[in-house]
Amino acid sequence: MTQKEFKSRFERYARVGTLAFTLLVLYWLIQTAITAYFVITGEVPPGEAEQSFFNLIYSLLFSVFVVAIMVMVIRLLQSIQKGRTPFTMANVRRLRRIGWMLVAFEVLQHVTTRLFWAAASGRVEDGEKVVYYFSSTAGMVMIVGLAVLAISVVFQYGVELQSLSDETL
């Protein structure tokens, strides 16, 4: 495959990736807006208002993280699409930021899940113990974050090889 064919194919992938991540950002924002609407208007089943409030706070907190990560990915894809090579220090820094944000997301999610669960559960209402449930990614986001950090090291090596190649020419 020639360099021109590679660049053309990669630009197509970058455009599709940018579109996909933009749609994911919109989906995440719409999902959070729907949760906010039901909590604010009080249109939740009786007895679930408190859990819905916790879910809203939880959704808003993680929406900020998810949107920030997706915007960083979109910027990375656009940078790769526009440049003549994906191996730049700016892209290495972007990948590192994305990786560390994913790791932080997982840690923050674990901590807040435990705090919300402890705050919401355990009291007795109408003779029954109240238990609330919150979802968790079970460490998968951290694994993805660590993989992105490893890819950033590969990209940094690519920057060095690109520099040597440019000097040779």
Protein backbone atom coordinates (compact mmCIF):
# COMPACT_ATOMS: atom_id res chain seq x y z
CA MET A 1 0.00 0.00 0.00
CA THR A 2 1.41 3.36 -0.99
CA GLN A 3 1.59 6.30 1.39
CA LYS A 4 -1.13 8.10 -0.60
CA GLU A 5 -3.49 5.11 -0.34
CA PHE A 6 -2.76 4.79 3.39
CA LYS A 7 -3.47 8.49 3.98
CA SER A 8 -6.71 8.31 1.98
CA ARG A 9 -7.92 5.28 3.90
CA PHE A 10 -6.91 6.77 7.24
CA GLU A 11 -8.71 10.04 6.45
CA ARG A 12 -11.90 8.05 5.78
CA TYR A 13 -11.54 6.23 9.09
CA ALA A 14 -10.89 9.52 10.90
CA ARG A 15 -14.02 11.11 9.37
CA VAL A 16 -16.17 8.13 10.34
CA GLY A 17 -14.66 8.10 13.84
CA THR A 18 -15.27 11.81 14.26
CA LEU A 19 -18.89 11.40 13.20
CA ALA A 20 -19.39 8.40 15.49
CA PHE A 21 -17.94 10.19 18.52
CA THR A 22 -20.00 13.31 17.76
CA LEU A 23 -23.15 11.18 17.71
CA LEU A 24 -22.11 9.54 21.00
CA VAL A 25 -21.68 12.97 22.60
CA LEU A 26 -25.16 13.96 21.44
CA TYR A 27 -26.64 10.68 22.70
CA TRP A 28 -25.00 11.12 26.12
CA LEU A 29 -26.26 14.69 26.42
CA ILE A 30 -29.80 13.70 25.42
CA GLN A 31 -29.80 10.83 27.90
CA THR A 32 -28.72 13.15 30.71
CA ALA A 33 -31.33 15.75 29.70
CA ILE A 34 -34.07 13.10 29.83
CA THR A 35 -32.98 12.02 33.32
CA ALA A 36 -32.91 15.66 34.43
CA TYR A 37 -36.39 16.26 33.02
CA PHE A 38 -37.97 13.36 34.92
CA VAL A 39 -36.29 14.32 38.19
CA ILE A 40 -37.11 18.03 37.91
CA THR A 41 -40.74 17.49 36.90
CA GLY A 42 -41.19 14.78 39.53
CA GLU A 43 -42.56 12.31 36.99
CA VAL A 44 -40.98 9.28 38.62
CA PRO A 45 -42.79 6.44 40.38
CA PRO A 46 -43.51 6.99 44.09
CA GLY A 47 -40.61 5.94 46.30
CA GLU A 48 -38.07 6.35 43.50
CA ALA A 49 -37.68 10.13 43.67
CA GLU A 50 -34.63 9.97 45.92
CA GLN A 51 -32.92 7.36 43.77
CA SER A 52 -33.74 9.43 40.68
CA PHE A 53 -32.12 12.46 42.31
CA PHE A 54 -28.97 10.44 43.01
CA ASN A 55 -29.06 9.12 39.45
CA LEU A 56 -29.31 12.68 38.12
CA ILE A 57 -26.30 13.85 40.14
CA TYR A 58 -24.42 10.74 39.07
CA SER A 59 -25.36 11.23 35.40
CA LEU A 60 -24.40 14.91 35.39
CA LEU A 61 -21.05 14.20 37.02
CA PHE A 62 -20.12 11.49 34.56
CA SER A 63 -21.58 13.30 31.56
CA VAL A 64 -18.94 15.97 32.06
CA PHE A 65 -16.22 13.30 32.02
CA VAL A 66 -17.62 11.41 29.04
CA VAL A 67 -18.17 14.52 26.93
CA ALA A 68 -14.65 15.79 27.76
CA ILE A 69 -13.12 12.45 26.74
CA MET A 70 -15.14 12.29 23.54
CA VAL A 71 -14.20 15.85 22.61
CA MET A 72 -10.53 14.94 23.12
CA VAL A 73 -10.95 11.90 20.87
CA ILE A 74 -12.64 14.03 18.20
CA ARG A 75 -9.75 16.52 18.34
CA LEU A 76 -7.24 13.68 18.06
CA LEU A 77 -9.01 12.24 15.02
CA GLN A 78 -9.27 15.66 13.38
CA SER A 79 -5.57 16.30 14.02
CA ILE A 80 -4.63 12.98 12.48
CA GLN A 81 -6.94 13.60 9.53
CA LYS A 82 -5.43 17.03 8.81
CA GLY A 83 -1.76 16.21 9.35
CA ARG A 84 0.57 14.43 7.01
CA THR A 85 1.53 12.03 9.81
CA PRO A 86 -0.27 10.90 12.96
CA PHE A 87 3.04 10.73 14.81
CA THR A 88 3.31 14.14 16.45
CA MET A 89 4.01 15.08 20.06
CA ALA A 90 0.65 16.88 20.16
CA ASN A 91 -1.09 13.58 19.39
CA VAL A 92 1.03 11.79 22.01
CA ARG A 93 -0.10 14.38 24.59
CA ARG A 94 -3.73 14.00 23.48
CA LEU A 95 -3.55 10.22 23.85
CA ARG A 96 -2.00 10.55 27.31
CA ARG A 97 -4.74 12.97 28.41
CA ILE A 98 -7.42 10.60 27.11
CA GLY A 99 -5.79 7.64 28.90
CA TRP A 100 -5.47 9.45 32.22
CA MET A 101 -9.04 10.79 31.94
CA LEU A 102 -10.31 7.22 31.45
CA VAL A 103 -8.35 6.00 34.46
CA ALA A 104 -9.63 8.93 36.56
CA PHE A 105 -13.16 8.26 35.32
CA GLU A 106 -13.00 4.68 36.59
CA VAL A 107 -11.61 5.66 39.99
CA LEU A 108 -14.13 8.48 40.43
CA GLN A 109 -16.98 6.23 39.34
CA HIS A 110 -16.01 3.58 41.87
CA VAL A 111 -15.73 6.10 44.73
CA THR A 112 -18.97 7.94 43.94
CA THR A 113 -20.88 4.69 43.43
CA ARG A 114 -19.86 3.56 46.91
CA LEU A 115 -20.67 6.98 48.44
CA PHE A 116 -24.07 7.23 46.74
CA TRP A 117 -24.93 3.67 47.65
CA ALA A 118 -24.00 4.29 51.28
CA ALA A 119 -25.95 7.56 51.39
CA ALA A 120 -29.05 6.20 49.68
CA SER A 121 -29.32 2.71 51.13
CA GLY A 122 -29.85 1.28 54.55
CA ARG A 123 -32.71 3.27 55.99
CA VAL A 124 -36.08 1.69 56.69
CA GLU A 125 -39.17 2.93 54.86
CA ASP A 126 -42.64 1.40 55.40
CA GLY A 127 -41.08 -1.46 57.35
CA GLU A 128 -38.68 -2.43 54.56
CA LYS A 129 -35.01 -1.69 54.14
CA VAL A 130 -34.35 0.66 51.21
CA VAL A 131 -31.67 -0.48 48.76
CA TYR A 132 -30.51 1.51 45.73
CA TYR A 133 -28.45 0.19 42.87
CA PHE A 134 -25.90 1.98 40.72
CA SER A 135 -24.14 0.57 37.71
CA SER A 136 -20.41 0.08 37.50
CA THR A 137 -18.04 -0.67 34.65
CA ALA A 138 -16.17 -3.23 36.79
CA GLY A 139 -12.75 -1.89 35.87
CA MET A 140 -13.18 -2.07 32.10
CA VAL A 141 -12.78 1.69 31.61
CA MET A 142 -9.50 1.58 33.55
CA ILE A 143 -8.25 -1.23 31.30
CA VAL A 144 -9.12 0.84 28.22
CA GLY A 145 -7.39 3.87 29.78
CA LEU A 146 -4.23 1.86 30.42
CA ALA A 147 -4.35 0.54 26.84
CA VAL A 148 -4.61 4.12 25.53
CA LEU A 149 -1.61 5.08 27.68
CA ALA A 150 0.32 2.16 26.15
CA ILE A 151 -0.69 3.32 22.66
CA SER A 152 0.63 6.80 23.52
CA VAL A 153 4.04 5.23 24.18
CA VAL A 154 3.88 3.56 20.75
CA PHE A 155 2.97 6.92 19.21
CA GLN A 156 5.91 8.55 20.99
CA TYR A 157 8.20 5.93 19.48
CA GLY A 158 6.56 6.69 16.10
CA VAL A 159 7.43 10.37 16.61
CA GLU A 160 11.07 9.43 17.13
CA LEU A 161 11.09 7.19 14.04
CA GLN A 162 9.36 9.92 12.00
CA SER A 163 12.01 12.41 13.13
CA LEU A 164 14.82 10.03 12.10
CA SER A 165 13.11 9.38 8.78
CA ASP A 166 12.71 13.12 8.11
CA GLU A 167 16.37 13.74 8.96
CA THR A 168 17.48 10.97 6.61
CA LEU A 169 15.59 12.47 3.69
